[in-house]
Amino acid sequence: GGTSAASTTGTKSTLEAYTSTNNTWTKATPTEATSGTADVTVNSTEAQTWEGFGGAFNDMGWDFLTSDEMKSTAVKYLFGAFPDGAHFTWGRIPMGASDYGTKRYTLDDPTANDPEPPAARPSGDTSLAKFTITNGHDDKYLIPYIKASKEAAAAAGSSIRFWASPWTPPIWMKTGYMTNSGGTGGGNAKRPSYFDGGSMSSNTANLQAYAQYFVKFVEAYKGQGIDIEVVSPQNEPGYPQDYPSCSWSAQVYTDYIANYMGPTFESRLPNVGVWLGTMSNPNSTQIVSSVMGNQTARGYVRGI
């Protein structure tokens, strides 16, 4: 595979070509055609500004890099300058376990034992007294990964912008759980867990506590030298799965942004934006339409 970039002055063009060998981009020599013609049409209409590419940090990504050399090489390839690196400029930070976490957890669950149904669901902690990022995940994997990535980007004369979203809220904020494998019907979940699937509660105390949960997360990471620019309420809010996930109704999602998350961030962290979330599933249109059709909720949303 390869890529090329052309610059033109009048009718004169110069071409730079790169080729991928052993997963590393190297400069190549282009071959000029000796026959035939090529018409290239450039659409010069200006649209929105493309602010960069990126990916999601996760426990496994750091855990599987088993030496300092591997870690250094990985962050150089991800965040270093082109052509040696992908030059990623955005990084998403999971708030609690994602599907690439080393175990199921959130930042405020009264138990670390991941109780399996039908064991009792942990009782609520609406004061967030048990909230922590010193949990063997954020402090062991995510924060070191992010700090190393920041250093690699800085060495390349760049920086990383951060956004954050949860795959699941604390399990005492949810009802139900995933009982089938994959979330599309058929079979049983390989390991039933309150962390997987289920639905976000519409309880006022839980929704208010969840808004404060986000604030505590952003402030905790800022204390680690990691400035989070944007948050979103949920990763794929219409996609309950047999990994950490949570389903939201359009009504609860709209209510949460309009009356809890939006006002809380406006008063506590006005420089941190709210994105509507990762909308990539069939009922996402219902959530988007509901939020953007609500004048109050829409006023808090800076992006989708």
C-alpha atoms as a PDB file:
ATOM      1  CA  GLY A   1       0.000   0.000   0.000  1.00  0.00           C
ATOM      2  CA  GLY A   2       1.043   3.622  -0.269  1.00  0.00           C
ATOM      3  CA  THR A   3       0.033   7.224  -0.305  1.00  0.00           C
ATOM      4  CA  SER A   4       1.095  10.282  -2.249  1.00  0.00           C
ATOM      5  CA  ALA A   5       0.797  14.052  -2.094  1.00  0.00           C
ATOM      6  CA  ALA A   6       1.116  16.461  -5.004  1.00  0.00           C
ATOM      7  CA  SER A   7       1.787  20.188  -4.984  1.00  0.00           C
ATOM      8  CA  THR A   8       1.179  22.346  -8.060  1.00  0.00           C
ATOM      9  CA  THR A   9       2.316  25.690  -9.419  1.00  0.00           C
ATOM     10  CA  GLY A  10       0.543  26.441 -12.651  1.00  0.00           C
ATOM     11  CA  THR A  11       0.766  23.227 -14.621  1.00  0.00           C
ATOM     12  CA  LYS A  12       3.957  22.015 -12.944  1.00  0.00           C
ATOM     13  CA  SER A  13       3.492  19.246 -10.346  1.00  0.00           C
ATOM     14  CA  THR A  14       5.851  17.586  -7.947  1.00  0.00           C
ATOM     15  CA  LEU A  15       4.963  14.247  -6.416  1.00  0.00           C
ATOM     16  CA  GLU A  16       6.081  12.683  -3.184  1.00  0.00           C
ATOM     17  CA  ALA A  17       5.346   8.990  -2.743  1.00  0.00           C
ATOM     18  CA  TYR A  18       5.494   6.754   0.300  1.00  0.00           C
ATOM     19  CA  THR A  19       5.226   3.018   0.539  1.00  0.00           C
ATOM     20  CA  SER A  20       4.457   0.739   3.468  1.00  0.00           C
ATOM     21  CA  THR A  21       7.055  -1.945   4.160  1.00  0.00           C
ATOM     22  CA  ASN A  22       6.814  -4.042   7.312  1.00  0.00           C
ATOM     23  CA  ASN A  23       4.147  -1.638   8.600  1.00  0.00           C
ATOM     24  CA  THR A  24       6.455   1.397   8.413  1.00  0.00           C
ATOM     25  CA  TRP A  25       6.042   4.244   5.920  1.00  0.00           C
ATOM     26  CA  THR A  26       9.152   4.981   3.880  1.00  0.00           C
ATOM     27  CA  LYS A  27       9.737   7.447   1.078  1.00  0.00           C
ATOM     28  CA  ALA A  28       9.643   5.930  -2.382  1.00  0.00           C
ATOM     29  CA  THR A  29      10.513   7.074  -5.893  1.00  0.00           C
ATOM     30  CA  PRO A  30       7.469   7.675  -8.102  1.00  0.00           C
ATOM     31  CA  THR A  31       7.447   6.303 -11.634  1.00  0.00           C
ATOM     32  CA  GLU A  32       6.353   8.710 -14.358  1.00  0.00           C
ATOM     33  CA  ALA A  33       3.944   7.302 -16.911  1.00  0.00           C
ATOM     34  CA  THR A  34       5.253   7.324 -20.496  1.00  0.00           C
ATOM     35  CA  SER A  35       1.862   7.109 -22.191  1.00  0.00           C
ATOM     36  CA  GLY A  36      -1.762   7.938 -21.590  1.00  0.00           C
ATOM     37  CA  THR A  37      -3.301  10.880 -19.772  1.00  0.00           C
ATOM     38  CA  ALA A  38      -4.797  11.430 -16.344  1.00  0.00           C
ATOM     39  CA  ASP A  39      -7.401  14.021 -15.434  1.00  0.00           C
ATOM     40  CA  VAL A  40      -7.406  15.041 -11.793  1.00  0.00           C
ATOM     41  CA  THR A  41     -10.280  17.152 -10.511  1.00  0.00           C
ATOM     42  CA  VAL A  42      -9.785  18.909  -7.183  1.00  0.00           C
ATOM     43  CA  ASN A  43     -12.884  19.955  -5.296  1.00  0.00           C
ATOM     44  CA  SER A  44     -11.833  23.181  -3.613  1.00  0.00           C
ATOM     45  CA  THR A  45     -15.097  23.773  -1.734  1.00  0.00           C
ATOM     46  CA  GLU A  46     -14.257  24.427   1.906  1.00  0.00           C
ATOM     47  CA  ALA A  47     -16.267  22.515   4.499  1.00  0.00           C
ATOM     48  CA  GLN A  48     -15.629  21.925   8.199  1.00  0.00           C
ATOM     49  CA  THR A  49     -12.135  21.888   9.648  1.00  0.00           C
ATOM     50  CA  TRP A  50     -10.710  18.395  10.104  1.00  0.00           C
ATOM     51  CA  GLU A  51      -9.095  18.505  13.520  1.00  0.00           C
ATOM     52  CA  GLY A  52      -7.244  15.201  13.529  1.00  0.00           C
ATOM     53  CA  PHE A  53      -7.298  11.448  13.893  1.00  0.00           C
ATOM     54  CA  GLY A  54      -6.927   9.286  16.962  1.00  0.00           C
ATOM     55  CA  GLY A  55      -7.959   6.207  18.875  1.00  0.00           C
ATOM     56  CA  ALA A  56      -8.909   4.955  22.329  1.00  0.00           C
ATOM     57  CA  PHE A  57      -6.542   4.195  25.178  1.00  0.00           C
ATOM     58  CA  ASN A  58      -7.236   0.972  27.076  1.00  0.00           C
ATOM     59  CA  ASP A  59      -5.812  -1.344  29.712  1.00  0.00           C
ATOM     60  CA  MET A  60      -4.898  -4.147  27.345  1.00  0.00           C
ATOM     61  CA  GLY A  61      -3.077  -1.828  24.974  1.00  0.00           C
ATOM     62  CA  TRP A  62      -0.539  -0.995  27.688  1.00  0.00           C
ATOM     63  CA  ASP A  63      -0.543  -4.355  29.455  1.00  0.00           C
ATOM     64  CA  PHE A  64       0.410  -6.239  26.283  1.00  0.00           C
ATOM     65  CA  LEU A  65       3.506  -4.062  25.797  1.00  0.00           C
ATOM     66  CA  THR A  66       5.710  -6.095  28.099  1.00  0.00           C
ATOM     67  CA  SER A  67       8.954  -4.106  27.967  1.00  0.00           C
ATOM     68  CA  ASP A  68       9.979  -0.461  28.116  1.00  0.00           C
ATOM     69  CA  GLU A  69      11.327  -0.783  24.589  1.00  0.00           C
ATOM     70  CA  MET A  70       7.979  -2.030  23.266  1.00  0.00           C
ATOM     71  CA  LYS A  71       6.145   0.791  25.036  1.00  0.00           C
ATOM     72  CA  SER A  72       8.501   3.432  23.656  1.00  0.00           C
ATOM     73  CA  THR A  73       8.241   2.035  20.140  1.00  0.00           C
ATOM     74  CA  ALA A  74       4.452   1.801  20.241  1.00  0.00           C
ATOM     75  CA  VAL A  75       3.830   5.381  21.349  1.00  0.00           C
ATOM     76  CA  LYS A  76       6.383   6.629  18.807  1.00  0.00           C
ATOM     77  CA  TYR A  77       4.532   4.846  15.999  1.00  0.00           C
ATOM     78  CA  LEU A  78       1.145   6.087  17.213  1.00  0.00           C
ATOM     79  CA  PHE A  79       1.935   9.675  18.171  1.00  0.00           C
ATOM     80  CA  GLY A  80       5.230  10.426  16.475  1.00  0.00           C
ATOM     81  CA  ALA A  81       5.593  12.529  13.342  1.00  0.00           C
ATOM     82  CA  PHE A  82       4.917  11.193   9.846  1.00  0.00           C
ATOM     83  CA  PRO A  83       6.344   9.151   8.157  1.00  0.00           C
ATOM     84  CA  ASP A  84       7.711   7.237  11.174  1.00  0.00           C
ATOM     85  CA  GLY A  85       4.545   7.724  13.205  1.00  0.00           C
ATOM     86  CA  ALA A  86       0.809   7.962  12.610  1.00  0.00           C
ATOM     87  CA  HIS A  87       0.839  11.410  14.277  1.00  0.00           C
ATOM     88  CA  PHE A  88      -2.455  10.838  16.085  1.00  0.00           C
ATOM     89  CA  THR A  89      -3.692  14.032  17.717  1.00  0.00           C
ATOM     90  CA  TRP A  90      -6.811  12.812  19.583  1.00  0.00           C
ATOM     91  CA  GLY A  91      -7.077  10.219  22.333  1.00  0.00           C
ATOM     92  CA  ARG A  92     -10.228   8.894  23.976  1.00  0.00           C
ATOM     93  CA  ILE A  93      -9.952   7.866  27.612  1.00  0.00           C
ATOM     94  CA  PRO A  94     -12.408   5.256  28.913  1.00  0.00           C
ATOM     95  CA  MET A  95     -14.080   6.095  32.211  1.00  0.00           C
ATOM     96  CA  GLY A  96     -13.893   2.647  33.756  1.00  0.00           C
ATOM     97  CA  ALA A  97     -13.619  -0.624  31.868  1.00  0.00           C
ATOM     98  CA  SER A  98     -14.085  -0.821  28.117  1.00  0.00           C
ATOM     99  CA  ASP A  99     -14.260  -3.978  26.029  1.00  0.00           C
ATOM    100  CA  TYR A 100     -10.446  -3.848  26.137  1.00  0.00           C
ATOM    101  CA  GLY A 101     -10.177  -3.595  29.909  1.00  0.00           C
ATOM    102  CA  THR A 102      -8.262  -6.242  31.827  1.00  0.00           C
ATOM    103  CA  LYS A 103     -11.350  -6.748  34.020  1.00  0.00           C
ATOM    104  CA  ARG A 104     -14.773  -5.219  34.617  1.00  0.00           C
ATOM    105  CA  TYR A 105     -14.792  -2.178  36.863  1.00  0.00           C
ATOM    106  CA  THR A 106     -16.021   1.401  37.168  1.00  0.00           C
ATOM    107  CA  LEU A 107     -14.629   4.286  39.195  1.00  0.00           C
ATOM    108  CA  ASP A 108     -17.279   4.021  41.895  1.00  0.00           C
ATOM    109  CA  ASP A 109     -18.547   0.560  42.679  1.00  0.00           C
ATOM    110  CA  PRO A 110     -18.658  -0.516  46.308  1.00  0.00           C
ATOM    111  CA  THR A 111     -17.326  -3.934  45.335  1.00  0.00           C
ATOM    112  CA  ALA A 112     -14.352  -5.051  43.289  1.00  0.00           C
ATOM    113  CA  ASN A 113     -15.701  -8.590  42.980  1.00  0.00           C
ATOM    114  CA  ASP A 114     -17.879  -8.072  39.888  1.00  0.00           C
ATOM    115  CA  PRO A 115     -20.931  -9.891  41.316  1.00  0.00           C
ATOM    116  CA  GLU A 116     -22.648 -12.156  38.832  1.00  0.00           C
ATOM    117  CA  PRO A 117     -26.434 -12.275  38.668  1.00  0.00           C
ATOM    118  CA  PRO A 118     -28.431 -13.323  40.594  1.00  0.00           C
ATOM    119  CA  ALA A 119     -26.116 -12.087  43.351  1.00  0.00           C
ATOM    120  CA  ALA A 120     -27.286  -8.831  44.904  1.00  0.00           C
ATOM    121  CA  ARG A 121     -26.469  -5.684  42.976  1.00  0.00           C
ATOM    122  CA  PRO A 122     -24.242  -3.353  45.060  1.00  0.00           C
ATOM    123  CA  SER A 123     -26.052  -0.610  46.930  1.00  0.00           C
ATOM    124  CA  GLY A 124     -25.786   2.953  45.680  1.00  0.00           C
ATOM    125  CA  ASP A 125     -23.116   5.487  46.540  1.00  0.00           C
ATOM    126  CA  THR A 126     -24.685   8.757  45.390  1.00  0.00           C
ATOM    127  CA  SER A 127     -22.197  10.759  47.483  1.00  0.00           C
ATOM    128  CA  LEU A 128     -19.420   9.118  45.401  1.00  0.00           C
ATOM    129  CA  ALA A 129     -17.448   8.477  48.576  1.00  0.00           C
ATOM    130  CA  LYS A 130     -15.829   5.448  46.953  1.00  0.00           C
ATOM    131  CA  PHE A 131     -14.794   7.195  43.726  1.00  0.00           C
ATOM    132  CA  THR A 132     -11.140   6.574  42.888  1.00  0.00           C
ATOM    133  CA  ILE A 133      -8.693   6.387  39.991  1.00  0.00           C
ATOM    134  CA  THR A 134      -6.219   4.551  42.236  1.00  0.00           C
ATOM    135  CA  ASN A 135      -7.769   1.252  41.309  1.00  0.00           C
ATOM    136  CA  GLY A 136      -5.147  -0.856  39.544  1.00  0.00           C
ATOM    137  CA  HIS A 137      -6.414   0.291  36.140  1.00  0.00           C
ATOM    138  CA  ASP A 138      -6.231   4.047  35.675  1.00  0.00           C
ATOM    139  CA  ASP A 139      -3.078   4.310  37.760  1.00  0.00           C
ATOM    140  CA  LYS A 140      -1.470   1.109  36.437  1.00  0.00           C
ATOM    141  CA  TYR A 141      -2.355   1.213  32.736  1.00  0.00           C
ATOM    142  CA  LEU A 142      -4.196   4.256  31.426  1.00  0.00           C
ATOM    143  CA  ILE A 143      -2.328   7.134  33.041  1.00  0.00           C
ATOM    144  CA  PRO A 144       1.184   5.755  32.293  1.00  0.00           C
ATOM    145  CA  TYR A 145       0.061   5.015  28.702  1.00  0.00           C
ATOM    146  CA  ILE A 146      -1.290   8.543  28.263  1.00  0.00           C
ATOM    147  CA  LYS A 147       1.745  10.220  29.814  1.00  0.00           C
ATOM    148  CA  ALA A 148       4.117   8.235  27.597  1.00  0.00           C
ATOM    149  CA  SER A 149       2.009   9.176  24.570  1.00  0.00           C
ATOM    150  CA  LYS A 150       2.127  12.858  25.528  1.00  0.00           C
ATOM    151  CA  GLU A 151       5.911  12.636  25.689  1.00  0.00           C
ATOM    152  CA  ALA A 152       6.110  10.965  22.276  1.00  0.00           C
ATOM    153  CA  ALA A 153       3.873  13.630  20.746  1.00  0.00           C
ATOM    154  CA  ALA A 154       5.895  16.427  22.352  1.00  0.00           C
ATOM    155  CA  ALA A 155       9.094  14.927  20.970  1.00  0.00           C
ATOM    156  CA  ALA A 156       7.492  15.149  17.527  1.00  0.00           C
ATOM    157  CA  GLY A 157       6.592  18.798  18.097  1.00  0.00           C
ATOM    158  CA  SER A 158       2.916  18.001  18.569  1.00  0.00           C
ATOM    159  CA  SER A 159       0.371  17.429  21.318  1.00  0.00           C
ATOM    160  CA  ILE A 160      -2.665  15.237  22.026  1.00  0.00           C
ATOM    161  CA  ARG A 161      -6.198  16.420  22.714  1.00  0.00           C
ATOM    162  CA  PHE A 162      -8.221  14.221  25.054  1.00  0.00           C
ATOM    163  CA  TRP A 163     -11.870  13.297  25.328  1.00  0.00           C
ATOM    164  CA  ALA A 164     -13.480  10.766  27.628  1.00  0.00           C
ATOM    165  CA  SER A 165     -16.540   8.551  27.739  1.00  0.00           C
ATOM    166  CA  PRO A 166     -17.714   5.598  29.818  1.00  0.00           C
ATOM    167  CA  TRP A 167     -18.682   2.190  28.475  1.00  0.00           C
ATOM    168  CA  THR A 168     -20.866   1.693  31.540  1.00  0.00           C
ATOM    169  CA  PRO A 169     -21.887   3.792  34.529  1.00  0.00           C
ATOM    170  CA  PRO A 170     -21.425   2.323  38.011  1.00  0.00           C
ATOM    171  CA  ILE A 171     -23.582  -0.790  38.147  1.00  0.00           C
ATOM    172  CA  TRP A 172     -25.736   0.522  40.998  1.00  0.00           C
ATOM    173  CA  MET A 173     -26.987   3.181  38.569  1.00  0.00           C
ATOM    174  CA  LYS A 174     -28.368   0.578  36.132  1.00  0.00           C
ATOM    175  CA  THR A 175     -31.258  -1.838  35.886  1.00  0.00           C
ATOM    176  CA  GLY A 176     -31.034  -5.229  34.210  1.00  0.00           C
ATOM    177  CA  TYR A 177     -28.026  -6.807  32.532  1.00  0.00           C
ATOM    178  CA  MET A 178     -27.111  -8.593  29.310  1.00  0.00           C
ATOM    179  CA  THR A 179     -28.451 -12.131  29.194  1.00  0.00           C
ATOM    180  CA  ASN A 180     -27.651 -13.061  25.598  1.00  0.00           C
ATOM    181  CA  SER A 181     -24.377 -13.231  23.735  1.00  0.00           C
ATOM    182  CA  GLY A 182     -23.511 -10.282  21.542  1.00  0.00           C
ATOM    183  CA  GLY A 183     -26.648  -8.349  22.250  1.00  0.00           C
ATOM    184  CA  THR A 184     -28.419  -9.408  19.062  1.00  0.00           C
ATOM    185  CA  GLY A 185     -30.330 -12.430  20.297  1.00  0.00           C
ATOM    186  CA  GLY A 186     -29.595 -16.119  20.595  1.00  0.00           C
ATOM    187  CA  GLY A 187     -27.540 -17.984  23.171  1.00  0.00           C
ATOM    188  CA  ASN A 188     -26.492 -16.963  26.642  1.00  0.00           C
ATOM    189  CA  ALA A 189     -23.848 -14.461  27.619  1.00  0.00           C
ATOM    190  CA  LYS A 190     -20.519 -16.169  28.188  1.00  0.00           C
ATOM    191  CA  ARG A 191     -20.339 -14.543  31.580  1.00  0.00           C
ATOM    192  CA  PRO A 192     -23.450 -12.725  32.846  1.00  0.00           C
ATOM    193  CA  SER A 193     -22.446  -9.539  34.652  1.00  0.00           C
ATOM    194  CA  TYR A 194     -24.145  -6.406  35.921  1.00  0.00           C
ATOM    195  CA  PHE A 195     -21.462  -4.450  34.065  1.00  0.00           C
ATOM    196  CA  ASP A 196     -22.681  -5.768  30.704  1.00  0.00           C
ATOM    197  CA  GLY A 197     -25.748  -4.249  29.094  1.00  0.00           C
ATOM    198  CA  GLY A 198     -28.676  -3.206  31.221  1.00  0.00           C
ATOM    199  CA  SER A 199     -30.254   0.250  31.144  1.00  0.00           C
ATOM    200  CA  MET A 200     -29.404   3.571  32.739  1.00  0.00           C
ATOM    201  CA  SER A 201     -31.735   4.424  35.608  1.00  0.00           C
ATOM    202  CA  SER A 202     -33.947   7.496  35.373  1.00  0.00           C
ATOM    203  CA  ASN A 203     -33.663   8.038  39.122  1.00  0.00           C
ATOM    204  CA  THR A 204     -32.940  11.707  39.883  1.00  0.00           C
ATOM    205  CA  ALA A 205     -30.344  10.976  42.562  1.00  0.00           C
ATOM    206  CA  ASN A 206     -28.439   8.654  40.214  1.00  0.00           C
ATOM    207  CA  LEU A 207     -28.486  11.121  37.317  1.00  0.00           C
ATOM    208  CA  GLN A 208     -27.199  13.939  39.510  1.00  0.00           C
ATOM    209  CA  ALA A 209     -24.520  11.680  40.997  1.00  0.00           C
ATOM    210  CA  TYR A 210     -23.494  10.658  37.488  1.00  0.00           C
ATOM    211  CA  ALA A 211     -22.952  14.285  36.500  1.00  0.00           C
ATOM    212  CA  GLN A 212     -20.693  14.707  39.536  1.00  0.00           C
ATOM    213  CA  TYR A 213     -18.934  11.438  38.596  1.00  0.00           C
ATOM    214  CA  PHE A 214     -17.835  13.067  35.340  1.00  0.00           C
ATOM    215  CA  VAL A 215     -16.609  16.177  37.143  1.00  0.00           C
ATOM    216  CA  LYS A 216     -14.589  14.100  39.613  1.00  0.00           C
ATOM    217  CA  PHE A 217     -13.050  12.163  36.724  1.00  0.00           C
ATOM    218  CA  VAL A 218     -11.970  15.274  34.805  1.00  0.00           C
ATOM    219  CA  GLU A 219     -10.562  16.852  37.971  1.00  0.00           C
ATOM    220  CA  ALA A 220      -8.718  13.658  38.962  1.00  0.00           C
ATOM    221  CA  TYR A 221      -7.060  13.393  35.558  1.00  0.00           C
ATOM    222  CA  LYS A 222      -6.171  17.083  35.592  1.00  0.00           C
ATOM    223  CA  GLY A 223      -4.373  16.347  38.844  1.00  0.00           C
ATOM    224  CA  GLN A 224      -2.270  13.892  36.821  1.00  0.00           C
ATOM    225  CA  GLY A 225      -1.407  16.543  34.232  1.00  0.00           C
ATOM    226  CA  ILE A 226      -3.968  15.265  31.707  1.00  0.00           C
ATOM    227  CA  ASP A 227      -6.416  17.922  30.518  1.00  0.00           C
ATOM    228  CA  ILE A 228      -9.640  16.461  29.162  1.00  0.00           C
ATOM    229  CA  GLU A 229     -11.251  18.761  26.618  1.00  0.00           C
ATOM    230  CA  VAL A 230     -14.522  16.950  25.945  1.00  0.00           C
ATOM    231  CA  VAL A 231     -16.742  14.307  27.555  1.00  0.00           C
ATOM    232  CA  SER A 232     -19.719  12.331  26.284  1.00  0.00           C
ATOM    233  CA  PRO A 233     -22.355  10.560  28.401  1.00  0.00           C
ATOM    234  CA  GLN A 234     -21.971   7.076  26.943  1.00  0.00           C
ATOM    235  CA  ASN A 235     -20.110   5.028  24.381  1.00  0.00           C
ATOM    236  CA  GLU A 236     -22.726   3.700  21.931  1.00  0.00           C
ATOM    237  CA  PRO A 237     -25.789   4.383  24.101  1.00  0.00           C
ATOM    238  CA  GLY A 238     -28.037   2.135  22.036  1.00  0.00           C
ATOM    239  CA  TYR A 239     -25.795  -0.907  21.999  1.00  0.00           C
ATOM    240  CA  PRO A 240     -26.031  -3.232  25.042  1.00  0.00           C
ATOM    241  CA  GLN A 241     -23.380  -5.940  24.721  1.00  0.00           C
ATOM    242  CA  ASP A 242     -21.832  -8.803  26.656  1.00  0.00           C
ATOM    243  CA  TYR A 243     -18.973  -6.535  27.668  1.00  0.00           C
ATOM    244  CA  PRO A 244     -19.157  -3.298  29.703  1.00  0.00           C
ATOM    245  CA  SER A 245     -21.990  -1.342  28.079  1.00  0.00           C
ATOM    246  CA  CYS A 246     -25.279   0.362  28.842  1.00  0.00           C
ATOM    247  CA  SER A 247     -28.483   1.136  26.977  1.00  0.00           C
ATOM    248  CA  TRP A 248     -30.077   4.578  27.288  1.00  0.00           C
ATOM    249  CA  SER A 249     -33.540   5.576  26.195  1.00  0.00           C
ATOM    250  CA  ALA A 250     -33.732   8.741  24.120  1.00  0.00           C
ATOM    251  CA  GLN A 251     -35.776  10.381  26.864  1.00  0.00           C
ATOM    252  CA  VAL A 252     -33.290   9.643  29.670  1.00  0.00           C
ATOM    253  CA  TYR A 253     -30.313  10.653  27.486  1.00  0.00           C
ATOM    254  CA  THR A 254     -31.967  13.978  26.678  1.00  0.00           C
ATOM    255  CA  ASP A 255     -32.985  14.583  30.287  1.00  0.00           C
ATOM    256  CA  TYR A 256     -29.481  13.794  31.526  1.00  0.00           C
ATOM    257  CA  ILE A 257     -27.788  16.294  29.203  1.00  0.00           C
ATOM    258  CA  ALA A 258     -30.431  19.011  29.609  1.00  0.00           C
ATOM    259  CA  ASN A 259     -30.904  18.900  33.374  1.00  0.00           C
ATOM    260  CA  TYR A 260     -27.847  17.246  34.912  1.00  0.00           C
ATOM    261  CA  MET A 261     -24.653  16.945  32.862  1.00  0.00           C
ATOM    262  CA  GLY A 262     -25.032  20.206  30.929  1.00  0.00           C
ATOM    263  CA  PRO A 263     -25.782  22.513  33.881  1.00  0.00           C
ATOM    264  CA  THR A 264     -23.166  20.791  36.064  1.00  0.00           C
ATOM    265  CA  PHE A 265     -20.384  21.282  33.535  1.00  0.00           C
ATOM    266  CA  GLU A 266     -21.498  24.824  32.785  1.00  0.00           C
ATOM    267  CA  SER A 267     -21.095  25.758  36.448  1.00  0.00           C
ATOM    268  CA  ARG A 268     -18.167  23.525  37.458  1.00  0.00           C
ATOM    269  CA  LEU A 269     -16.090  22.997  34.298  1.00  0.00           C
ATOM    270  CA  PRO A 270     -17.217  25.542  31.685  1.00  0.00           C
ATOM    271  CA  ASN A 271     -14.146  24.935  29.499  1.00  0.00           C
ATOM    272  CA  VAL A 272     -14.937  21.233  29.085  1.00  0.00           C
ATOM    273  CA  GLY A 273     -17.336  20.505  26.236  1.00  0.00           C
ATOM    274  CA  VAL A 274     -20.041  17.869  25.854  1.00  0.00           C
ATOM    275  CA  TRP A 275     -20.153  15.706  22.756  1.00  0.00           C
ATOM    276  CA  LEU A 276     -23.317  13.761  22.104  1.00  0.00           C
ATOM    277  CA  GLY A 277     -21.383  10.504  21.919  1.00  0.00           C
ATOM    278  CA  THR A 278     -20.441   7.671  19.603  1.00  0.00           C
ATOM    279  CA  MET A 279     -23.566   7.220  17.497  1.00  0.00           C
ATOM    280  CA  SER A 280     -23.034   4.139  15.393  1.00  0.00           C
ATOM    281  CA  ASN A 281     -26.040   1.895  15.979  1.00  0.00           C
ATOM    282  CA  PRO A 282     -29.630   1.580  14.712  1.00  0.00           C
ATOM    283  CA  ASN A 283     -31.418   3.522  17.441  1.00  0.00           C
ATOM    284  CA  SER A 284     -28.782   6.260  17.531  1.00  0.00           C
ATOM    285  CA  THR A 285     -30.966   8.392  15.271  1.00  0.00           C
ATOM    286  CA  GLN A 286     -33.686   8.402  17.943  1.00  0.00           C
ATOM    287  CA  ILE A 287     -31.241   9.666  20.569  1.00  0.00           C
ATOM    288  CA  VAL A 288     -29.716  12.292  18.262  1.00  0.00           C
ATOM    289  CA  SER A 289     -33.141  13.535  17.166  1.00  0.00           C
ATOM    290  CA  SER A 290     -34.373  13.691  20.744  1.00  0.00           C
ATOM    291  CA  VAL A 291     -31.369  15.594  22.109  1.00  0.00           C
ATOM    292  CA  MET A 292     -31.020  17.969  19.182  1.00  0.00           C
ATOM    293  CA  GLY A 293     -34.774  18.542  19.177  1.00  0.00           C
ATOM    294  CA  ASN A 294     -34.673  19.692  22.787  1.00  0.00           C
ATOM    295  CA  GLN A 295     -33.594  23.333  22.931  1.00  0.00           C
ATOM    296  CA  THR A 296     -32.063  23.068  26.401  1.00  0.00           C
ATOM    297  CA  ALA A 297     -30.114  19.863  25.747  1.00  0.00           C
ATOM    298  CA  ARG A 298     -28.973  21.041  22.326  1.00  0.00           C
ATOM    299  CA  GLY A 299     -27.537  24.196  23.869  1.00  0.00           C
ATOM    300  CA  TYR A 300     -25.018  22.136  25.824  1.00  0.00           C
ATOM    301  CA  VAL A 301     -23.836  19.947  22.914  1.00  0.00           C
ATOM    302  CA  ARG A 302     -20.683  21.026  21.086  1.00  0.00           C
ATOM    303  CA  GLY A 303     -20.356  18.050  18.767  1.00  0.00           C
ATOM    304  CA  ILE A 304     -21.471  14.568  17.761  1.00  0.00           C
END
